[in-house]
PDB file of N, CA and C in Angstrom:
ATOM      1  N   UNK A   1      62.924   7.644  87.456  1.00  0.00           N
ATOM      2  CA  UNK A   1      62.688   8.903  88.153  1.00  0.00           C
ATOM      3  C   UNK A   1      61.808   9.786  87.271  1.00  0.00           C
ATOM      4  N   UNK A   2      60.798  10.364  87.871  1.00  0.00           N
ATOM      5  CA  UNK A   2      59.907  11.229  87.105  1.00  0.00           C
ATOM      6  C   UNK A   2      60.456  12.649  87.058  1.00  0.00           C
ATOM      7  N   UNK A   3      59.951  13.444  86.124  1.00  0.00           N
ATOM      8  CA  UNK A   3      60.368  14.834  85.986  1.00  0.00           C
ATOM      9  C   UNK A   3      60.083  15.626  87.258  1.00  0.00           C
ATOM     10  N   UNK A   4      58.957  15.359  87.925  1.00  0.00           N
ATOM     11  CA  UNK A   4      58.613  16.047  89.167  1.00  0.00           C
ATOM     12  C   UNK A   4      59.639  15.798  90.259  1.00  0.00           C
ATOM     13  N   UNK A   5      60.109  14.562  90.366  1.00  0.00           N
ATOM     14  CA  UNK A   5      61.144  14.251  91.354  1.00  0.00           C
ATOM     15  C   UNK A   5      62.422  15.006  91.052  1.00  0.00           C
ATOM     16  N   UNK A   6      62.785  15.087  89.799  1.00  0.00           N
ATOM     17  CA  UNK A   6      64.004  15.801  89.418  1.00  0.00           C
ATOM     18  C   UNK A   6      63.882  17.285  89.749  1.00  0.00           C
ATOM     19  N   UNK A   7      62.706  17.868  89.520  1.00  0.00           N
ATOM     20  CA  UNK A   7      62.495  19.280  89.852  1.00  0.00           C
ATOM     21  C   UNK A   7      62.644  19.515  91.351  1.00  0.00           C
ATOM     22  N   UNK A   8      62.137  18.593  92.173  1.00  0.00           N
ATOM     23  CA  UNK A   8      62.276  18.729  93.627  1.00  0.00           C
ATOM     24  C   UNK A   8      63.739  18.657  94.045  1.00  0.00           C
ATOM     25  N   UNK A   9      64.506  17.808  93.402  1.00  0.00           N
ATOM     26  CA  UNK A   9      65.933  17.670  93.735  1.00  0.00           C
ATOM     27  C   UNK A   9      66.709  18.942  93.409  1.00  0.00           C
ATOM     28  N   UNK A  10      66.213  19.747  92.475  1.00  0.00           N
ATOM     29  CA  UNK A  10      66.909  20.960  92.059  1.00  0.00           C
ATOM     30  C   UNK A  10      66.548  22.194  92.903  1.00  0.00           C
ATOM     31  N   UNK A  11      65.586  22.063  93.816  1.00  0.00           N
ATOM     32  CA  UNK A  11      65.175  23.197  94.641  1.00  0.00           C
ATOM     33  C   UNK A  11      66.289  23.608  95.604  1.00  0.00           C
ATOM     34  N   UNK A  12      66.441  24.903  95.778  1.00  0.00           N
ATOM     35  CA  UNK A  12      67.373  25.401  96.794  1.00  0.00           C
ATOM     36  C   UNK A  12      66.749  25.178  98.165  1.00  0.00           C
ATOM     37  N   UNK A  13      67.541  25.331  99.218  1.00  0.00           N
ATOM     38  CA  UNK A  13      67.028  25.172 100.577  1.00  0.00           C
ATOM     39  C   UNK A  13      65.900  26.133 100.883  1.00  0.00           C
ATOM     40  N   UNK A  14      66.035  27.389 100.464  1.00  0.00           N
ATOM     41  CA  UNK A  14      64.973  28.366 100.734  1.00  0.00           C
ATOM     42  C   UNK A  14      63.726  28.083  99.906  1.00  0.00           C
ATOM     43  N   UNK A  15      63.900  27.607  98.668  1.00  0.00           N
ATOM     44  CA  UNK A  15      62.748  27.235  97.849  1.00  0.00           C
ATOM     45  C   UNK A  15      62.010  26.058  98.472  1.00  0.00           C
ATOM     46  N   UNK A  16      62.766  25.093  98.979  1.00  0.00           N
ATOM     47  CA  UNK A  16      62.148  23.920  99.597  1.00  0.00           C
ATOM     48  C   UNK A  16      61.381  24.319 100.855  1.00  0.00           C
ATOM     49  N   UNK A  17      61.945  25.242 101.636  1.00  0.00           N
ATOM     50  CA  UNK A  17      61.297  25.715 102.854  1.00  0.00           C
ATOM     51  C   UNK A  17      59.954  26.367 102.560  1.00  0.00           C
ATOM     52  N   UNK A  18      59.865  27.107 101.457  1.00  0.00           N
ATOM     53  CA  UNK A  18      58.621  27.812 101.140  1.00  0.00           C
ATOM     54  C   UNK A  18      57.630  26.956 100.342  1.00  0.00           C
ATOM     55  N   UNK A  19      58.001  25.735 100.023  1.00  0.00           N
ATOM     56  CA  UNK A  19      57.129  24.833  99.269  1.00  0.00           C
ATOM     57  C   UNK A  19      55.834  24.604 100.043  1.00  0.00           C
ATOM     58  N   UNK A  20      54.710  24.928  99.458  1.00  0.00           N
ATOM     59  CA  UNK A  20      53.415  24.725 100.080  1.00  0.00           C
ATOM     60  C   UNK A  20      52.962  25.845 100.994  1.00  0.00           C
ATOM     61  N   UNK A  21      53.745  26.910 101.120  1.00  0.00           N
ATOM     62  CA  UNK A  21      53.384  28.000 102.024  1.00  0.00           C
ATOM     63  C   UNK A  21      52.016  28.580 101.731  1.00  0.00           C
ATOM     64  N   UNK A  22      51.659  28.672 100.478  1.00  0.00           N
ATOM     65  CA  UNK A  22      50.389  29.286 100.095  1.00  0.00           C
ATOM     66  C   UNK A  22      49.200  28.357 100.296  1.00  0.00           C
ATOM     67  N   UNK A  23      49.444  27.085 100.619  1.00  0.00           N
ATOM     68  CA  UNK A  23      48.351  26.139 100.746  1.00  0.00           C
ATOM     69  C   UNK A  23      48.064  25.689 102.175  1.00  0.00           C
ATOM     70  N   UNK A  24      48.909  26.048 103.125  1.00  0.00           N
ATOM     71  CA  UNK A  24      48.773  25.547 104.492  1.00  0.00           C
ATOM     72  C   UNK A  24      48.518  26.701 105.455  1.00  0.00           C
ATOM     73  N   UNK A  25      47.581  26.493 106.386  1.00  0.00           N
ATOM     74  CA  UNK A  25      47.275  27.518 107.387  1.00  0.00           C
ATOM     75  C   UNK A  25      46.937  26.858 108.719  1.00  0.00           C
ATOM     76  N   UNK A  26      47.093  27.636 109.786  1.00  0.00           N
ATOM     77  CA  UNK A  26      46.692  27.173 111.108  1.00  0.00           C
ATOM     78  C   UNK A  26      46.038  28.329 111.856  1.00  0.00           C
ATOM     79  N   UNK A  27      45.369  28.007 112.969  1.00  0.00           N
ATOM     80  CA  UNK A  27      44.610  28.996 113.747  1.00  0.00           C
ATOM     81  C   UNK A  27      45.146  29.028 115.176  1.00  0.00           C
ATOM     82  N   UNK A  28      45.255  30.247 115.719  1.00  0.00           N
ATOM     83  CA  UNK A  28      45.670  30.437 117.106  1.00  0.00           C
ATOM     84  C   UNK A  28      44.686  31.362 117.804  1.00  0.00           C
ATOM     85  N   UNK A  29      44.363  31.085 119.068  1.00  0.00           N
ATOM     86  CA  UNK A  29      43.530  32.022 119.824  1.00  0.00           C
ATOM     87  C   UNK A  29      44.346  33.275 120.145  1.00  0.00           C
ATOM     88  N   UNK A  30      43.706  34.442 120.082  1.00  0.00           N
ATOM     89  CA  UNK A  30      44.379  35.721 120.361  1.00  0.00           C
ATOM     90  C   UNK A  30      43.438  36.644 121.118  1.00  0.00           C
ATOM     91  N   UNK A  31      44.026  37.639 121.796  1.00  0.00           N
ATOM     92  CA  UNK A  31      43.249  38.743 122.374  1.00  0.00           C
ATOM     93  C   UNK A  31      43.166  39.818 121.307  1.00  0.00           C
ATOM     94  N   UNK A  32      41.965  40.351 121.088  1.00  0.00           N
ATOM     95  CA  UNK A  32      41.793  41.310 119.998  1.00  0.00           C
ATOM     96  C   UNK A  32      41.683  42.763 120.456  1.00  0.00           C
ATOM     97  N   UNK A  33      41.588  42.991 121.768  1.00  0.00           N
ATOM     98  CA  UNK A  33      41.547  44.371 122.244  1.00  0.00           C
ATOM     99  C   UNK A  33      42.081  44.446 123.666  1.00  0.00           C
ATOM    100  N   UNK A  34      42.145  45.673 124.204  1.00  0.00           N
ATOM    101  CA  UNK A  34      42.706  45.914 125.538  1.00  0.00           C
ATOM    102  C   UNK A  34      41.877  45.278 126.650  1.00  0.00           C
ATOM    103  N   UNK A  35      40.593  45.068 126.399  1.00  0.00           N
ATOM    104  CA  UNK A  35      39.728  44.442 127.411  1.00  0.00           C
ATOM    105  C   UNK A  35      39.865  42.926 127.437  1.00  0.00           C
ATOM    106  N   UNK A  36      40.632  42.367 126.509  1.00  0.00           N
ATOM    107  CA  UNK A  36      40.864  40.920 126.498  1.00  0.00           C
ATOM    108  C   UNK A  36      39.860  40.113 125.708  1.00  0.00           C
ATOM    109  N   UNK A  37      39.104  40.756 124.824  1.00  0.00           N
ATOM    110  CA  UNK A  37      38.172  40.009 123.976  1.00  0.00           C
ATOM    111  C   UNK A  37      38.958  38.986 123.162  1.00  0.00           C
ATOM    112  N   UNK A  38      38.398  37.809 123.021  1.00  0.00           N
ATOM    113  CA  UNK A  38      39.084  36.721 122.337  1.00  0.00           C
ATOM    114  C   UNK A  38      38.699  36.654 120.860  1.00  0.00           C
ATOM    115  N   UNK A  39      39.644  36.218 120.058  1.00  0.00           N
ATOM    116  CA  UNK A  39      39.433  35.986 118.644  1.00  0.00           C
ATOM    117  C   UNK A  39      40.325  34.842 118.204  1.00  0.00           C
ATOM    118  N   UNK A  40      40.337  34.579 116.915  1.00  0.00           N
ATOM    119  CA  UNK A  40      41.134  33.492 116.367  1.00  0.00           C
ATOM    120  C   UNK A  40      41.883  34.001 115.145  1.00  0.00           C
ATOM    121  N   UNK A  41      43.209  33.960 115.231  1.00  0.00           N
ATOM    122  CA  UNK A  41      44.050  34.444 114.140  1.00  0.00           C
ATOM    123  C   UNK A  41      44.375  33.303 113.194  1.00  0.00           C
ATOM    124  N   UNK A  42      44.226  33.555 111.901  1.00  0.00           N
ATOM    125  CA  UNK A  42      44.601  32.602 110.854  1.00  0.00           C
ATOM    126  C   UNK A  42      46.016  32.958 110.410  1.00  0.00           C
ATOM    127  N   UNK A  43      46.900  31.967 110.419  1.00  0.00           N
ATOM    128  CA  UNK A  43      48.301  32.172 110.057  1.00  0.00           C
ATOM    129  C   UNK A  43      48.697  31.280 108.881  1.00  0.00           C
ATOM    130  N   UNK A  44      49.561  31.799 108.014  1.00  0.00           N
ATOM    131  CA  UNK A  44      50.171  30.996 106.954  1.00  0.00           C
ATOM    132  C   UNK A  44      51.196  30.066 107.594  1.00  0.00           C
ATOM    133  N   UNK A  45      51.673  29.111 106.842  1.00  0.00           N
ATOM    134  CA  UNK A  45      52.620  28.127 107.353  1.00  0.00           C
ATOM    135  C   UNK A  45      53.880  28.765 107.925  1.00  0.00           C
ATOM    136  N   UNK A  46      54.275  29.921 107.422  1.00  0.00           N
ATOM    137  CA  UNK A  46      55.486  30.586 107.924  1.00  0.00           C
ATOM    138  C   UNK A  46      55.223  31.466 109.135  1.00  0.00           C
ATOM    139  N   UNK A  47      53.978  31.492 109.629  1.00  0.00           N
ATOM    140  CA  UNK A  47      53.632  32.276 110.804  1.00  0.00           C
ATOM    141  C   UNK A  47      53.038  33.640 110.510  1.00  0.00           C
ATOM    142  N   UNK A  48      52.994  34.037 109.255  1.00  0.00           N
ATOM    143  CA  UNK A  48      52.413  35.324 108.880  1.00  0.00           C
ATOM    144  C   UNK A  48      50.924  35.329 109.205  1.00  0.00           C
ATOM    145  N   UNK A  49      50.480  36.332 109.970  1.00  0.00           N
ATOM    146  CA  UNK A  49      49.056  36.432 110.285  1.00  0.00           C
ATOM    147  C   UNK A  49      48.298  36.919 109.059  1.00  0.00           C
ATOM    148  N   UNK A  50      47.263  36.179 108.686  1.00  0.00           N
ATOM    149  CA  UNK A  50      46.470  36.502 107.503  1.00  0.00           C
ATOM    150  C   UNK A  50      45.154  37.191 107.846  1.00  0.00           C
ATOM    151  N   UNK A  51      44.551  36.817 108.967  1.00  0.00           N
ATOM    152  CA  UNK A  51      43.244  37.371 109.335  1.00  0.00           C
ATOM    153  C   UNK A  51      42.966  37.081 110.801  1.00  0.00           C
ATOM    154  N   UNK A  52      41.998  37.807 111.363  1.00  0.00           N
ATOM    155  CA  UNK A  52      41.506  37.528 112.715  1.00  0.00           C
ATOM    156  C   UNK A  52      39.991  37.421 112.622  1.00  0.00           C
ATOM    157  N   UNK A  53      39.452  36.357 113.185  1.00  0.00           N
ATOM    158  CA  UNK A  53      38.014  36.100 113.160  1.00  0.00           C
ATOM    159  C   UNK A  53      37.491  36.053 114.592  1.00  0.00           C
ATOM    160  N   UNK A  54      36.199  36.322 114.743  1.00  0.00           N
ATOM    161  CA  UNK A  54      35.584  36.308 116.055  1.00  0.00           C
ATOM    162  C   UNK A  54      35.223  34.933 116.567  1.00  0.00           C
ATOM    163  N   UNK A  55      35.200  33.941 115.681  1.00  0.00           N
ATOM    164  CA  UNK A  55      34.814  32.594 116.082  1.00  0.00           C
ATOM    165  C   UNK A  55      35.691  31.571 115.371  1.00  0.00           C
ATOM    166  N   UNK A  56      35.959  30.466 116.054  1.00  0.00           N
ATOM    167  CA  UNK A  56      36.818  29.425 115.505  1.00  0.00           C
ATOM    168  C   UNK A  56      36.253  28.836 114.221  1.00  0.00           C
ATOM    169  N   UNK A  57      34.947  28.602 114.175  1.00  0.00           N
ATOM    170  CA  UNK A  57      34.365  28.021 112.964  1.00  0.00           C
ATOM    171  C   UNK A  57      34.496  28.969 111.766  1.00  0.00           C
ATOM    172  N   UNK A  58      34.460  30.271 112.009  1.00  0.00           N
ATOM    173  CA  UNK A  58      34.663  31.239 110.916  1.00  0.00           C
ATOM    174  C   UNK A  58      36.106  31.203 110.418  1.00  0.00           C
ATOM    175  N   UNK A  59      37.054  31.052 111.328  1.00  0.00           N
ATOM    176  CA  UNK A  59      38.464  30.952 110.937  1.00  0.00           C
ATOM    177  C   UNK A  59      38.690  29.708 110.085  1.00  0.00           C
ATOM    178  N   UNK A  60      38.119  28.587 110.505  1.00  0.00           N
ATOM    179  CA  UNK A  60      38.239  27.352 109.722  1.00  0.00           C
ATOM    180  C   UNK A  60      37.595  27.521 108.350  1.00  0.00           C
ATOM    181  N   UNK A  61      36.418  28.126 108.306  1.00  0.00           N
ATOM    182  CA  UNK A  61      35.717  28.327 107.035  1.00  0.00           C
ATOM    183  C   UNK A  61      36.515  29.229 106.099  1.00  0.00           C
ATOM    184  N   UNK A  62      37.162  30.262 106.638  1.00  0.00           N
ATOM    185  CA  UNK A  62      37.964  31.168 105.804  1.00  0.00           C
ATOM    186  C   UNK A  62      39.135  30.420 105.167  1.00  0.00           C
ATOM    187  N   UNK A  63      39.745  29.530 105.932  1.00  0.00           N
ATOM    188  CA  UNK A  63      40.854  28.734 105.388  1.00  0.00           C
ATOM    189  C   UNK A  63      40.364  27.860 104.245  1.00  0.00           C
ATOM    190  N   UNK A  64      39.291  27.155 104.466  1.00  0.00           N
ATOM    191  CA  UNK A  64      38.758  26.253 103.433  1.00  0.00           C
ATOM    192  C   UNK A  64      38.254  27.026 102.219  1.00  0.00           C
ATOM    193  N   UNK A  65      37.628  28.171 102.443  1.00  0.00           N
ATOM    194  CA  UNK A  65      37.113  28.987 101.343  1.00  0.00           C
ATOM    195  C   UNK A  65      38.232  29.494 100.431  1.00  0.00           C
ATOM    196  N   UNK A  66      39.414  29.655 101.001  1.00  0.00           N
ATOM    197  CA  UNK A  66      40.552  30.142 100.225  1.00  0.00           C
ATOM    198  C   UNK A  66      41.435  29.008  99.716  1.00  0.00           C
ATOM    199  N   UNK A  67      40.846  27.816  99.633  1.00  0.00           N
ATOM    200  CA  UNK A  67      41.531  26.627  99.087  1.00  0.00           C
ATOM    201  C   UNK A  67      42.835  26.317  99.798  1.00  0.00           C
ATOM    202  N   UNK A  68      42.856  26.532 101.101  1.00  0.00           N
ATOM    203  CA  UNK A  68      44.024  26.197 101.908  1.00  0.00           C
ATOM    204  C   UNK A  68      43.706  24.961 102.738  1.00  0.00           C
ATOM    205  N   UNK A  69      44.738  24.338 103.269  1.00  0.00           N
ATOM    206  CA  UNK A  69      44.585  23.159 104.118  1.00  0.00           C
ATOM    207  C   UNK A  69      44.834  23.567 105.560  1.00  0.00           C
ATOM    208  N   UNK A  70      43.908  23.216 106.431  1.00  0.00           N
ATOM    209  CA  UNK A  70      44.028  23.500 107.847  1.00  0.00           C
ATOM    210  C   UNK A  70      44.871  22.397 108.479  1.00  0.00           C
ATOM    211  N   UNK A  71      45.907  22.784 109.225  1.00  0.00           N
ATOM    212  CA  UNK A  71      46.739  21.790 109.912  1.00  0.00           C
ATOM    213  C   UNK A  71      46.727  22.059 111.400  1.00  0.00           C
ATOM    214  N   UNK A  72      46.897  21.004 112.177  1.00  0.00           N
ATOM    215  CA  UNK A  72      47.013  21.113 113.621  1.00  0.00           C
ATOM    216  C   UNK A  72      48.462  21.334 113.978  1.00  0.00           C
ATOM    217  N   UNK A  73      48.715  22.262 114.885  1.00  0.00           N
ATOM    218  CA  UNK A  73      50.059  22.528 115.348  1.00  0.00           C
ATOM    219  C   UNK A  73      50.087  22.221 116.842  1.00  0.00           C
ATOM    220  N   UNK A  74      51.017  21.423 117.261  1.00  0.00           N
ATOM    221  CA  UNK A  74      51.083  21.029 118.687  1.00  0.00           C
ATOM    222  C   UNK A  74      52.199  21.756 119.367  1.00  0.00           C
TER     223      UNK A  74
END
């Protein structure tokens, strides 16, 4: 058993849940104003909204620029 495996075994449930939170993000379409203009919200793995962009490619680029991994959510 490696030291890394032992460290993972010692994590509390809440620590394990937050593992990787800072590295994973996803994008959701959103309405950005009362007239229904569309945008794309970037969210952290826990659902916290990080940013809103006007275009999907900009949202993806922001995730990659911040050294995060984009994941698909179904």
